[in-house]
Amino acid sequence: MTSAYVWWVIAGMTLVTAVTRAFFLIGGERAVLPERVQRALRYAPAAALMAVVLPNVLQTSHGISFAPANHAFYATLAGLAWFLLRRGMLGTIVVGMLVFTLLRLVG
């Protein structure tokens, strides 16, 4: 792979990223999404977060694991429970990390 090829790939990826992110800005007020699409897009951040976080939490060196030795999974559940009860992001992080640390120290 030549350095010119790498630079062309970087330039192409930059262009594609800029166009896709600026799509709604370029159209101005004329580009209005239907109400149904707007409602569906409200769930996109949560779905993307689950797609990124869940595989990392469940994946161990032995495959997918729900075993007690999978500390990350149970710390994530504790953080999720805290968030559902209190709706506080800082508390969610603190509870998740505390549970993770305690499980690692105990187990």
PDB file of N, CA and C in Angstrom:
ATOM      1  N   MET A   1       0.843  -1.164   0.000  1.00  0.00           N
ATOM      2  CA  MET A   1       0.000   0.000   0.000  1.00  0.00           C
ATOM      3  C   MET A   1       0.898   1.240   0.000  1.00  0.00           C
ATOM      4  N   THR A   2       0.724   2.082  -0.986  1.00  0.00           N
ATOM      5  CA  THR A   2       1.570   3.279  -1.091  1.00  0.00           C
ATOM      6  C   THR A   2       1.009   4.385  -0.215  1.00  0.00           C
ATOM      7  N   SER A   3       1.858   5.367   0.062  1.00  0.00           N
ATOM      8  CA  SER A   3       1.404   6.482   0.892  1.00  0.00           C
ATOM      9  C   SER A   3       0.373   7.330   0.142  1.00  0.00           C
ATOM     10  N   ALA A   4       0.490   7.417  -1.194  1.00  0.00           N
ATOM     11  CA  ALA A   4      -0.504   8.160  -1.968  1.00  0.00           C
ATOM     12  C   ALA A   4      -1.875   7.504  -1.839  1.00  0.00           C
ATOM     13  N   TYR A   5      -1.904   6.181  -1.856  1.00  0.00           N
ATOM     14  CA  TYR A   5      -3.159   5.451  -1.702  1.00  0.00           C
ATOM     15  C   TYR A   5      -3.791   5.744  -0.342  1.00  0.00           C
ATOM     16  N   VAL A   6      -2.968   5.744   0.694  1.00  0.00           N
ATOM     17  CA  VAL A   6      -3.456   6.019   2.042  1.00  0.00           C
ATOM     18  C   VAL A   6      -4.053   7.421   2.105  1.00  0.00           C
ATOM     19  N   TRP A   7      -3.384   8.398   1.512  1.00  0.00           N
ATOM     20  CA  TRP A   7      -3.890   9.775   1.528  1.00  0.00           C
ATOM     21  C   TRP A   7      -5.187   9.904   0.746  1.00  0.00           C
ATOM     22  N   TRP A   8      -5.307   9.179  -0.380  1.00  0.00           N
ATOM     23  CA  TRP A   8      -6.558   9.201  -1.136  1.00  0.00           C
ATOM     24  C   TRP A   8      -7.698   8.577  -0.334  1.00  0.00           C
ATOM     25  N   VAL A   9      -7.411   7.530   0.384  1.00  0.00           N
ATOM     26  CA  VAL A   9      -8.435   6.898   1.221  1.00  0.00           C
ATOM     27  C   VAL A   9      -8.862   7.839   2.343  1.00  0.00           C
ATOM     28  N   ILE A  10      -7.907   8.493   2.976  1.00  0.00           N
ATOM     29  CA  ILE A  10      -8.227   9.448   4.046  1.00  0.00           C
ATOM     30  C   ILE A  10      -9.072  10.597   3.499  1.00  0.00           C
ATOM     31  N   ALA A  11      -8.703  11.130   2.336  1.00  0.00           N
ATOM     32  CA  ALA A  11      -9.466  12.220   1.723  1.00  0.00           C
ATOM     33  C   ALA A  11     -10.880  11.766   1.367  1.00  0.00           C
ATOM     34  N   GLY A  12     -11.000  10.555   0.827  1.00  0.00           N
ATOM     35  CA  GLY A  12     -12.324  10.030   0.493  1.00  0.00           C
ATOM     36  C   GLY A  12     -13.187   9.827   1.712  1.00  0.00           C
ATOM     37  N   MET A  13     -12.621   9.299   2.770  1.00  0.00           N
ATOM     38  CA  MET A  13     -13.378   9.084   3.998  1.00  0.00           C
ATOM     39  C   MET A  13     -13.791  10.416   4.620  1.00  0.00           C
ATOM     40  N   THR A  14     -12.922  11.411   4.526  1.00  0.00           N
ATOM     41  CA  THR A  14     -13.253  12.738   5.037  1.00  0.00           C
ATOM     42  C   THR A  14     -14.427  13.325   4.271  1.00  0.00           C
ATOM     43  N   LEU A  15     -14.392  13.199   2.953  1.00  0.00           N
ATOM     44  CA  LEU A  15     -15.474  13.721   2.129  1.00  0.00           C
ATOM     45  C   LEU A  15     -16.805  13.024   2.432  1.00  0.00           C
ATOM     46  N   VAL A  16     -16.779  11.715   2.507  1.00  0.00           N
ATOM     47  CA  VAL A  16     -18.002  10.971   2.796  1.00  0.00           C
ATOM     48  C   VAL A  16     -18.551  11.341   4.170  1.00  0.00           C
ATOM     49  N   THR A  17     -17.688  11.465   5.154  1.00  0.00           N
ATOM     50  CA  THR A  17     -18.125  11.826   6.499  1.00  0.00           C
ATOM     51  C   THR A  17     -18.714  13.227   6.519  1.00  0.00           C
ATOM     52  N   ALA A  18     -18.063  14.167   5.863  1.00  0.00           N
ATOM     53  CA  ALA A  18     -18.558  15.544   5.847  1.00  0.00           C
ATOM     54  C   ALA A  18     -19.907  15.639   5.145  1.00  0.00           C
ATOM     55  N   VAL A  19     -20.054  14.955   4.038  1.00  0.00           N
ATOM     56  CA  VAL A  19     -21.321  15.029   3.285  1.00  0.00           C
ATOM     57  C   VAL A  19     -22.459  14.395   4.084  1.00  0.00           C
ATOM     58  N   THR A  20     -22.218  13.246   4.679  1.00  0.00           N
ATOM     59  CA  THR A  20     -23.300  12.585   5.413  1.00  0.00           C
ATOM     60  C   THR A  20     -23.695  13.359   6.661  1.00  0.00           C
ATOM     61  N   ARG A  21     -22.750  14.000   7.305  1.00  0.00           N
ATOM     62  CA  ARG A  21     -23.081  14.766   8.512  1.00  0.00           C
ATOM     63  C   ARG A  21     -23.699  16.118   8.188  1.00  0.00           C
ATOM     64  N   ALA A  22     -23.367  16.670   7.044  1.00  0.00           N
ATOM     65  CA  ALA A  22     -23.879  17.981   6.669  1.00  0.00           C
ATOM     66  C   ALA A  22     -25.144  17.890   5.826  1.00  0.00           C
ATOM     67  N   PHE A  23     -25.644  16.697   5.567  1.00  0.00           N
ATOM     68  CA  PHE A  23     -26.791  16.510   4.698  1.00  0.00           C
ATOM     69  C   PHE A  23     -27.985  17.370   5.117  1.00  0.00           C
ATOM     70  N   PHE A  24     -28.312  17.369   6.395  1.00  0.00           N
ATOM     71  CA  PHE A  24     -29.474  18.120   6.862  1.00  0.00           C
ATOM     72  C   PHE A  24     -29.194  19.614   6.938  1.00  0.00           C
ATOM     73  N   LEU A  25     -27.944  19.997   7.102  1.00  0.00           N
ATOM     74  CA  LEU A  25     -27.594  21.420   7.112  1.00  0.00           C
ATOM     75  C   LEU A  25     -27.633  22.008   5.709  1.00  0.00           C
ATOM     76  N   ILE A  26     -27.246  21.225   4.724  1.00  0.00           N
ATOM     77  CA  ILE A  26     -27.225  21.701   3.339  1.00  0.00           C
ATOM     78  C   ILE A  26     -28.649  21.970   2.854  1.00  0.00           C
ATOM     79  N   GLY A  27     -29.588  21.121   3.216  1.00  0.00           N
ATOM     80  CA  GLY A  27     -30.968  21.277   2.776  1.00  0.00           C
ATOM     81  C   GLY A  27     -31.697  22.420   3.445  1.00  0.00           C
ATOM     82  N   GLY A  28     -31.191  22.878   4.569  1.00  0.00           N
ATOM     83  CA  GLY A  28     -31.851  23.962   5.299  1.00  0.00           C
ATOM     84  C   GLY A  28     -33.187  23.525   5.838  1.00  0.00           C
ATOM     85  N   GLU A  29     -34.134  24.451   5.847  1.00  0.00           N
ATOM     86  CA  GLU A  29     -35.463  24.148   6.377  1.00  0.00           C
ATOM     87  C   GLU A  29     -36.305  23.329   5.414  1.00  0.00           C
ATOM     88  N   ARG A  30     -35.852  23.211   4.175  1.00  0.00           N
ATOM     89  CA  ARG A  30     -36.613  22.424   3.201  1.00  0.00           C
ATOM     90  C   ARG A  30     -36.536  20.942   3.513  1.00  0.00           C
ATOM     91  N   ALA A  31     -35.451  20.501   4.143  1.00  0.00           N
ATOM     92  CA  ALA A  31     -35.285  19.083   4.454  1.00  0.00           C
ATOM     93  C   ALA A  31     -35.936  18.784   5.802  1.00  0.00           C
ATOM     94  N   VAL A  32     -37.193  18.401   5.750  1.00  0.00           N
ATOM     95  CA  VAL A  32     -37.940  18.078   6.963  1.00  0.00           C
ATOM     96  C   VAL A  32     -38.247  16.587   6.938  1.00  0.00           C
ATOM     97  N   LEU A  33     -37.867  15.920   8.017  1.00  0.00           N
ATOM     98  CA  LEU A  33     -38.140  14.488   8.127  1.00  0.00           C
ATOM     99  C   LEU A  33     -39.586  14.268   8.550  1.00  0.00           C
ATOM    100  N   PRO A  34     -40.193  13.212   8.074  1.00  0.00           N
ATOM    101  CA  PRO A  34     -41.552  12.893   8.529  1.00  0.00           C
ATOM    102  C   PRO A  34     -41.561  12.627  10.037  1.00  0.00           C
ATOM    103  N   GLU A  35     -42.716  12.876  10.642  1.00  0.00           N
ATOM    104  CA  GLU A  35     -42.861  12.710  12.093  1.00  0.00           C
ATOM    105  C   GLU A  35     -42.494  11.298  12.546  1.00  0.00           C
ATOM    106  N   ARG A  36     -42.866  10.313  11.758  1.00  0.00           N
ATOM    107  CA  ARG A  36     -42.570   8.923  12.114  1.00  0.00           C
ATOM    108  C   ARG A  36     -41.065   8.667  12.171  1.00  0.00           C
ATOM    109  N   VAL A  37     -40.311   9.233  11.235  1.00  0.00           N
ATOM    110  CA  VAL A  37     -38.854   9.083  11.221  1.00  0.00           C
ATOM    111  C   VAL A  37     -38.241   9.829  12.403  1.00  0.00           C
ATOM    112  N   GLN A  38     -38.748  11.024  12.708  1.00  0.00           N
ATOM    113  CA  GLN A  38     -38.237  11.785  13.848  1.00  0.00           C
ATOM    114  C   GLN A  38     -38.438  11.026  15.153  1.00  0.00           C
ATOM    115  N   ARG A  39     -39.593  10.379  15.305  1.00  0.00           N
ATOM    116  CA  ARG A  39     -39.831   9.584  16.514  1.00  0.00           C
ATOM    117  C   ARG A  39     -38.889   8.391  16.588  1.00  0.00           C
ATOM    118  N   ALA A  40     -38.641   7.752  15.445  1.00  0.00           N
ATOM    119  CA  ALA A  40     -37.747   6.591  15.421  1.00  0.00           C
ATOM    120  C   ALA A  40     -36.307   6.996  15.739  1.00  0.00           C
ATOM    121  N   LEU A  41     -35.894   8.173  15.308  1.00  0.00           N
ATOM    122  CA  LEU A  41     -34.517   8.622  15.542  1.00  0.00           C
ATOM    123  C   LEU A  41     -34.239   8.941  17.010  1.00  0.00           C
ATOM    124  N   ARG A  42     -35.273   9.107  17.809  1.00  0.00           N
ATOM    125  CA  ARG A  42     -35.052   9.341  19.240  1.00  0.00           C
ATOM    126  C   ARG A  42     -34.388   8.139  19.908  1.00  0.00           C
ATOM    127  N   TYR A  43     -34.583   6.948  19.340  1.00  0.00           N
ATOM    128  CA  TYR A  43     -34.031   5.730  19.927  1.00  0.00           C
ATOM    129  C   TYR A  43     -32.652   5.379  19.366  1.00  0.00           C
ATOM    130  N   ALA A  44     -32.183   6.119  18.393  1.00  0.00           N
ATOM    131  CA  ALA A  44     -30.899   5.809  17.759  1.00  0.00           C
ATOM    132  C   ALA A  44     -29.724   5.875  18.727  1.00  0.00           C
ATOM    133  N   PRO A  45     -29.595   6.911  19.586  1.00  0.00           N
ATOM    134  CA  PRO A  45     -28.452   6.926  20.509  1.00  0.00           C
ATOM    135  C   PRO A  45     -28.438   5.733  21.470  1.00  0.00           C
ATOM    136  N   ALA A  46     -29.593   5.363  21.996  1.00  0.00           N
ATOM    137  CA  ALA A  46     -29.651   4.219  22.912  1.00  0.00           C
ATOM    138  C   ALA A  46     -29.308   2.924  22.187  1.00  0.00           C
ATOM    139  N   ALA A  47     -29.797   2.780  20.969  1.00  0.00           N
ATOM    140  CA  ALA A  47     -29.507   1.572  20.193  1.00  0.00           C
ATOM    141  C   ALA A  47     -28.025   1.493  19.843  1.00  0.00           C
ATOM    142  N   ALA A  48     -27.433   2.614  19.479  1.00  0.00           N
ATOM    143  CA  ALA A  48     -26.006   2.624  19.158  1.00  0.00           C
ATOM    144  C   ALA A  48     -25.169   2.324  20.397  1.00  0.00           C
ATOM    145  N   LEU A  49     -25.559   2.884  21.526  1.00  0.00           N
ATOM    146  CA  LEU A  49     -24.836   2.621  22.765  1.00  0.00           C
ATOM    147  C   LEU A  49     -24.903   1.146  23.130  1.00  0.00           C
ATOM    148  N   MET A  50     -26.063   0.543  22.992  1.00  0.00           N
ATOM    149  CA  MET A  50     -26.197  -0.885  23.290  1.00  0.00           C
ATOM    150  C   MET A  50     -25.371  -1.725  22.324  1.00  0.00           C
ATOM    151  N   ALA A  51     -25.324  -1.322  21.076  1.00  0.00           N
ATOM    152  CA  ALA A  51     -24.559  -2.078  20.083  1.00  0.00           C
ATOM    153  C   ALA A  51     -23.070  -2.029  20.362  1.00  0.00           C
ATOM    154  N   VAL A  52     -22.614  -0.962  20.999  1.00  0.00           N
ATOM    155  CA  VAL A  52     -21.191  -0.828  21.310  1.00  0.00           C
ATOM    156  C   VAL A  52     -20.867  -1.454  22.664  1.00  0.00           C
ATOM    157  N   VAL A  53     -21.698  -1.198  23.658  1.00  0.00           N
ATOM    158  CA  VAL A  53     -21.391  -1.601  25.036  1.00  0.00           C
ATOM    159  C   VAL A  53     -21.668  -3.082  25.282  1.00  0.00           C
ATOM    160  N   LEU A  54     -22.804  -3.570  24.862  1.00  0.00           N
ATOM    161  CA  LEU A  54     -23.207  -4.937  25.205  1.00  0.00           C
ATOM    162  C   LEU A  54     -22.216  -6.006  24.761  1.00  0.00           C
ATOM    163  N   PRO A  55     -21.715  -5.980  23.536  1.00  0.00           N
ATOM    164  CA  PRO A  55     -20.722  -7.006  23.171  1.00  0.00           C
ATOM    165  C   PRO A  55     -19.451  -6.939  24.022  1.00  0.00           C
ATOM    166  N   ASN A  56     -19.019  -5.736  24.376  1.00  0.00           N
ATOM    167  CA  ASN A  56     -17.822  -5.607  25.207  1.00  0.00           C
ATOM    168  C   ASN A  56     -18.057  -6.102  26.627  1.00  0.00           C
ATOM    169  N   VAL A  57     -19.259  -5.958  27.113  1.00  0.00           N
ATOM    170  CA  VAL A  57     -19.571  -6.391  28.480  1.00  0.00           C
ATOM    171  C   VAL A  57     -19.734  -7.909  28.547  1.00  0.00           C
ATOM    172  N   LEU A  58     -20.353  -8.486  27.545  1.00  0.00           N
ATOM    173  CA  LEU A  58     -20.624  -9.925  27.579  1.00  0.00           C
ATOM    174  C   LEU A  58     -19.469 -10.780  27.081  1.00  0.00           C
ATOM    175  N   GLN A  59     -18.598 -10.225  26.255  1.00  0.00           N
ATOM    176  CA  GLN A  59     -17.515 -11.010  25.649  1.00  0.00           C
ATOM    177  C   GLN A  59     -16.374 -11.221  26.651  1.00  0.00           C
ATOM    178  N   THR A  60     -15.990 -12.464  26.837  1.00  0.00           N
ATOM    179  CA  THR A  60     -14.827 -12.810  27.653  1.00  0.00           C
ATOM    180  C   THR A  60     -13.861 -13.606  26.785  1.00  0.00           C
ATOM    181  N   SER A  61     -12.763 -14.016  27.351  1.00  0.00           N
ATOM    182  CA  SER A  61     -11.796 -14.807  26.588  1.00  0.00           C
ATOM    183  C   SER A  61     -12.347 -16.186  26.213  1.00  0.00           C
ATOM    184  N   HIS A  62     -13.401 -16.606  26.905  1.00  0.00           N
ATOM    185  CA  HIS A  62     -14.013 -17.915  26.634  1.00  0.00           C
ATOM    186  C   HIS A  62     -15.304 -17.796  25.828  1.00  0.00           C
ATOM    187  N   GLY A  63     -15.627 -16.609  25.338  1.00  0.00           N
ATOM    188  CA  GLY A  63     -16.861 -16.387  24.589  1.00  0.00           C
ATOM    189  C   GLY A  63     -17.823 -15.541  25.402  1.00  0.00           C
ATOM    190  N   ILE A  64     -19.081 -15.574  25.025  1.00  0.00           N
ATOM    191  CA  ILE A  64     -20.102 -14.809  25.742  1.00  0.00           C
ATOM    192  C   ILE A  64     -20.359 -15.469  27.089  1.00  0.00           C
ATOM    193  N   SER A  65     -20.392 -14.635  28.150  1.00  0.00           N
ATOM    194  CA  SER A  65     -20.498 -15.195  29.489  1.00  0.00           C
ATOM    195  C   SER A  65     -21.440 -14.379  30.361  1.00  0.00           C
ATOM    196  N   PHE A  66     -22.326 -15.097  31.057  1.00  0.00           N
ATOM    197  CA  PHE A  66     -23.176 -14.511  32.092  1.00  0.00           C
ATOM    198  C   PHE A  66     -22.744 -15.024  33.465  1.00  0.00           C
ATOM    199  N   ALA A  67     -21.590 -15.663  33.521  1.00  0.00           N
ATOM    200  CA  ALA A  67     -21.101 -16.281  34.752  1.00  0.00           C
ATOM    201  C   ALA A  67     -20.760 -15.219  35.795  1.00  0.00           C
ATOM    202  N   PRO A  68     -20.773 -15.590  37.064  1.00  0.00           N
ATOM    203  CA  PRO A  68     -20.395 -14.643  38.121  1.00  0.00           C
ATOM    204  C   PRO A  68     -18.981 -14.078  37.949  1.00  0.00           C
ATOM    205  N   ALA A  69     -18.129 -14.760  37.228  1.00  0.00           N
ATOM    206  CA  ALA A  69     -16.772 -14.264  37.008  1.00  0.00           C
ATOM    207  C   ALA A  69     -16.726 -13.101  36.014  1.00  0.00           C
ATOM    208  N   ASN A  70     -17.819 -12.866  35.304  1.00  0.00           N
ATOM    209  CA  ASN A  70     -17.879 -11.748  34.366  1.00  0.00           C
ATOM    210  C   ASN A  70     -18.284 -10.490  35.144  1.00  0.00           C
ATOM    211  N   HIS A  71     -17.301  -9.860  35.768  1.00  0.00           N
ATOM    212  CA  HIS A  71     -17.549  -8.705  36.635  1.00  0.00           C
ATOM    213  C   HIS A  71     -18.122  -7.524  35.868  1.00  0.00           C
ATOM    214  N   ALA A  72     -17.709  -7.339  34.640  1.00  0.00           N
ATOM    215  CA  ALA A  72     -18.189  -6.199  33.844  1.00  0.00           C
ATOM    216  C   ALA A  72     -19.699  -6.285  33.615  1.00  0.00           C
ATOM    217  N   PHE A  73     -20.213  -7.474  33.406  1.00  0.00           N
ATOM    218  CA  PHE A  73     -21.647  -7.644  33.173  1.00  0.00           C
ATOM    219  C   PHE A  73     -22.447  -7.239  34.403  1.00  0.00           C
ATOM    220  N   TYR A  74     -22.043  -7.706  35.573  1.00  0.00           N
ATOM    221  CA  TYR A  74     -22.789  -7.395  36.786  1.00  0.00           C
ATOM    222  C   TYR A  74     -22.606  -5.947  37.217  1.00  0.00           C
ATOM    223  N   ALA A  75     -21.458  -5.367  36.938  1.00  0.00           N
ATOM    224  CA  ALA A  75     -21.268  -3.942  37.209  1.00  0.00           C
ATOM    225  C   ALA A  75     -22.147  -3.107  36.284  1.00  0.00           C
ATOM    226  N   THR A  76     -22.301  -3.548  35.059  1.00  0.00           N
ATOM    227  CA  THR A  76     -23.178  -2.845  34.118  1.00  0.00           C
ATOM    228  C   THR A  76     -24.631  -2.934  34.582  1.00  0.00           C
ATOM    229  N   LEU A  77     -25.045  -4.093  35.051  1.00  0.00           N
ATOM    230  CA  LEU A  77     -26.408  -4.234  35.565  1.00  0.00           C
ATOM    231  C   LEU A  77     -26.647  -3.335  36.779  1.00  0.00           C
ATOM    232  N   ALA A  78     -25.649  -3.229  37.661  1.00  0.00           N
ATOM    233  CA  ALA A  78     -25.779  -2.361  38.832  1.00  0.00           C
ATOM    234  C   ALA A  78     -25.867  -0.898  38.402  1.00  0.00           C
ATOM    235  N   GLY A  79     -25.045  -0.498  37.444  1.00  0.00           N
ATOM    236  CA  GLY A  79     -25.110   0.867  36.934  1.00  0.00           C
ATOM    237  C   GLY A  79     -26.443   1.157  36.269  1.00  0.00           C
ATOM    238  N   LEU A  80     -26.952   0.190  35.512  1.00  0.00           N
ATOM    239  CA  LEU A  80     -28.252   0.352  34.858  1.00  0.00           C
ATOM    240  C   LEU A  80     -29.363   0.492  35.898  1.00  0.00           C
ATOM    241  N   ALA A  81     -29.316  -0.316  36.936  1.00  0.00           N
ATOM    242  CA  ALA A  81     -30.329  -0.231  37.997  1.00  0.00           C
ATOM    243  C   ALA A  81     -30.289   1.140  38.664  1.00  0.00           C
ATOM    244  N   TRP A  82     -29.093   1.628  38.951  1.00  0.00           N
ATOM    245  CA  TRP A  82     -28.962   2.954  39.563  1.00  0.00           C
ATOM    246  C   TRP A  82     -29.546   4.023  38.642  1.00  0.00           C
ATOM    247  N   PHE A  83     -29.218   3.933  37.360  1.00  0.00           N
ATOM    248  CA  PHE A  83     -29.721   4.938  36.425  1.00  0.00           C
ATOM    249  C   PHE A  83     -31.245   4.903  36.331  1.00  0.00           C
ATOM    250  N   LEU A  84     -31.828   3.704  36.297  1.00  0.00           N
ATOM    251  CA  LEU A  84     -33.276   3.610  36.203  1.00  0.00           C
ATOM    252  C   LEU A  84     -33.964   4.137  37.458  1.00  0.00           C
ATOM    253  N   LEU A  85     -33.303   4.017  38.623  1.00  0.00           N
ATOM    254  CA  LEU A  85     -33.885   4.506  39.869  1.00  0.00           C
ATOM    255  C   LEU A  85     -33.675   6.002  40.067  1.00  0.00           C
ATOM    256  N   ARG A  86     -32.483   6.499  39.742  1.00  0.00           N
ATOM    257  CA  ARG A  86     -32.117   7.877  40.074  1.00  0.00           C
ATOM    258  C   ARG A  86     -31.974   8.831  38.890  1.00  0.00           C
ATOM    259  N   ARG A  87     -31.771   8.292  37.697  1.00  0.00           N
ATOM    260  CA  ARG A  87     -31.585   9.086  36.473  1.00  0.00           C
ATOM    261  C   ARG A  87     -30.382  10.020  36.552  1.00  0.00           C
ATOM    262  N   GLY A  88     -29.338   9.620  37.274  1.00  0.00           N
ATOM    263  CA  GLY A  88     -28.135  10.428  37.390  1.00  0.00           C
ATOM    264  C   GLY A  88     -26.949   9.753  36.725  1.00  0.00           C
ATOM    265  N   MET A  89     -26.315  10.443  35.819  1.00  0.00           N
ATOM    266  CA  MET A  89     -25.206   9.853  35.074  1.00  0.00           C
ATOM    267  C   MET A  89     -23.982   9.644  35.962  1.00  0.00           C
ATOM    268  N   LEU A  90     -23.636  10.631  36.786  1.00  0.00           N
ATOM    269  CA  LEU A  90     -22.464  10.500  37.640  1.00  0.00           C
ATOM    270  C   LEU A  90     -22.629   9.339  38.618  1.00  0.00           C
ATOM    271  N   GLY A  91     -23.784   9.225  39.218  1.00  0.00           N
ATOM    272  CA  GLY A  91     -24.053   8.114  40.124  1.00  0.00           C
ATOM    273  C   GLY A  91     -23.983   6.773  39.422  1.00  0.00           C
ATOM    274  N   THR A  92     -24.439   6.728  38.180  1.00  0.00           N
ATOM    275  CA  THR A  92     -24.390   5.498  37.397  1.00  0.00           C
ATOM    276  C   THR A  92     -22.945   5.048  37.208  1.00  0.00           C
ATOM    277  N   ILE A  93     -22.081   5.987  36.866  1.00  0.00           N
ATOM    278  CA  ILE A  93     -20.666   5.663  36.659  1.00  0.00           C
ATOM    279  C   ILE A  93     -20.028   5.218  37.961  1.00  0.00           C
ATOM    280  N   VAL A  94     -20.303   5.942  39.034  1.00  0.00           N
ATOM    281  CA  VAL A  94     -19.703   5.613  40.329  1.00  0.00           C
ATOM    282  C   VAL A  94     -20.168   4.239  40.807  1.00  0.00           C
ATOM    283  N   VAL A  95     -21.458   3.972  40.727  1.00  0.00           N
ATOM    284  CA  VAL A  95     -21.983   2.678  41.175  1.00  0.00           C
ATOM    285  C   VAL A  95     -21.415   1.547  40.327  1.00  0.00           C
ATOM    286  N   GLY A  96     -21.391   1.721  39.030  1.00  0.00           N
ATOM    287  CA  GLY A  96     -20.842   0.688  38.152  1.00  0.00           C
ATOM    288  C   GLY A  96     -19.386   0.396  38.453  1.00  0.00           C
ATOM    289  N   MET A  97     -18.596   1.434  38.640  1.00  0.00           N
ATOM    290  CA  MET A  97     -17.170   1.231  38.928  1.00  0.00           C
ATOM    291  C   MET A  97     -16.958   0.639  40.320  1.00  0.00           C
ATOM    292  N   LEU A  98     -17.751   1.059  41.284  1.00  0.00           N
ATOM    293  CA  LEU A  98     -17.627   0.475  42.637  1.00  0.00           C
ATOM    294  C   LEU A  98     -17.957  -1.015  42.628  1.00  0.00           C
ATOM    295  N   VAL A  99     -19.047  -1.380  41.976  1.00  0.00           N
ATOM    296  CA  VAL A  99     -19.426  -2.788  41.906  1.00  0.00           C
ATOM    297  C   VAL A  99     -18.356  -3.584  41.161  1.00  0.00           C
ATOM    298  N   PHE A 100     -17.864  -3.042  40.062  1.00  0.00           N
ATOM    299  CA  PHE A 100     -16.820  -3.723  39.296  1.00  0.00           C
ATOM    300  C   PHE A 100     -15.566  -3.941  40.149  1.00  0.00           C
ATOM    301  N   THR A 101     -15.150  -2.894  40.871  1.00  0.00           N
ATOM    302  CA  THR A 101     -13.952  -2.996  41.711  1.00  0.00           C
ATOM    303  C   THR A 101     -14.163  -3.986  42.850  1.00  0.00           C
ATOM    304  N   LEU A 102     -15.321  -3.919  43.507  1.00  0.00           N
ATOM    305  CA  LEU A 102     -15.582  -4.856  44.600  1.00  0.00           C
ATOM    306  C   LEU A 102     -15.638  -6.297  44.119  1.00  0.00           C
ATOM    307  N   LEU A 103     -16.254  -6.531  42.970  1.00  0.00           N
ATOM    308  CA  LEU A 103     -16.298  -7.899  42.439  1.00  0.00           C
ATOM    309  C   LEU A 103     -14.905  -8.408  42.081  1.00  0.00           C
ATOM    310  N   ARG A 104     -14.072  -7.549  41.572  1.00  0.00           N
ATOM    311  CA  ARG A 104     -12.702  -7.974  41.242  1.00  0.00           C
ATOM    312  C   ARG A 104     -11.887  -8.254  42.492  1.00  0.00           C
ATOM    313  N   LEU A 105     -12.099  -7.455  43.532  1.00  0.00           N
ATOM    314  CA  LEU A 105     -11.361  -7.672  44.783  1.00  0.00           C
ATOM    315  C   LEU A 105     -11.822  -8.934  45.508  1.00  0.00           C
ATOM    316  N   VAL A 106     -13.127  -9.173  45.493  1.00  0.00           N
ATOM    317  CA  VAL A 106     -13.685 -10.331  46.189  1.00  0.00           C
ATOM    318  C   VAL A 106     -13.471 -11.607  45.401  1.00  0.00           C
ATOM    319  N   GLY A 107     -13.692 -11.531  44.071  1.00  0.00           N
ATOM    320  CA  GLY A 107     -13.654 -12.756  43.268  1.00  0.00           C
ATOM    321  C   GLY A 107     -12.407 -12.979  42.587  1.00  0.00           C
TER     322      GLY A 107
END
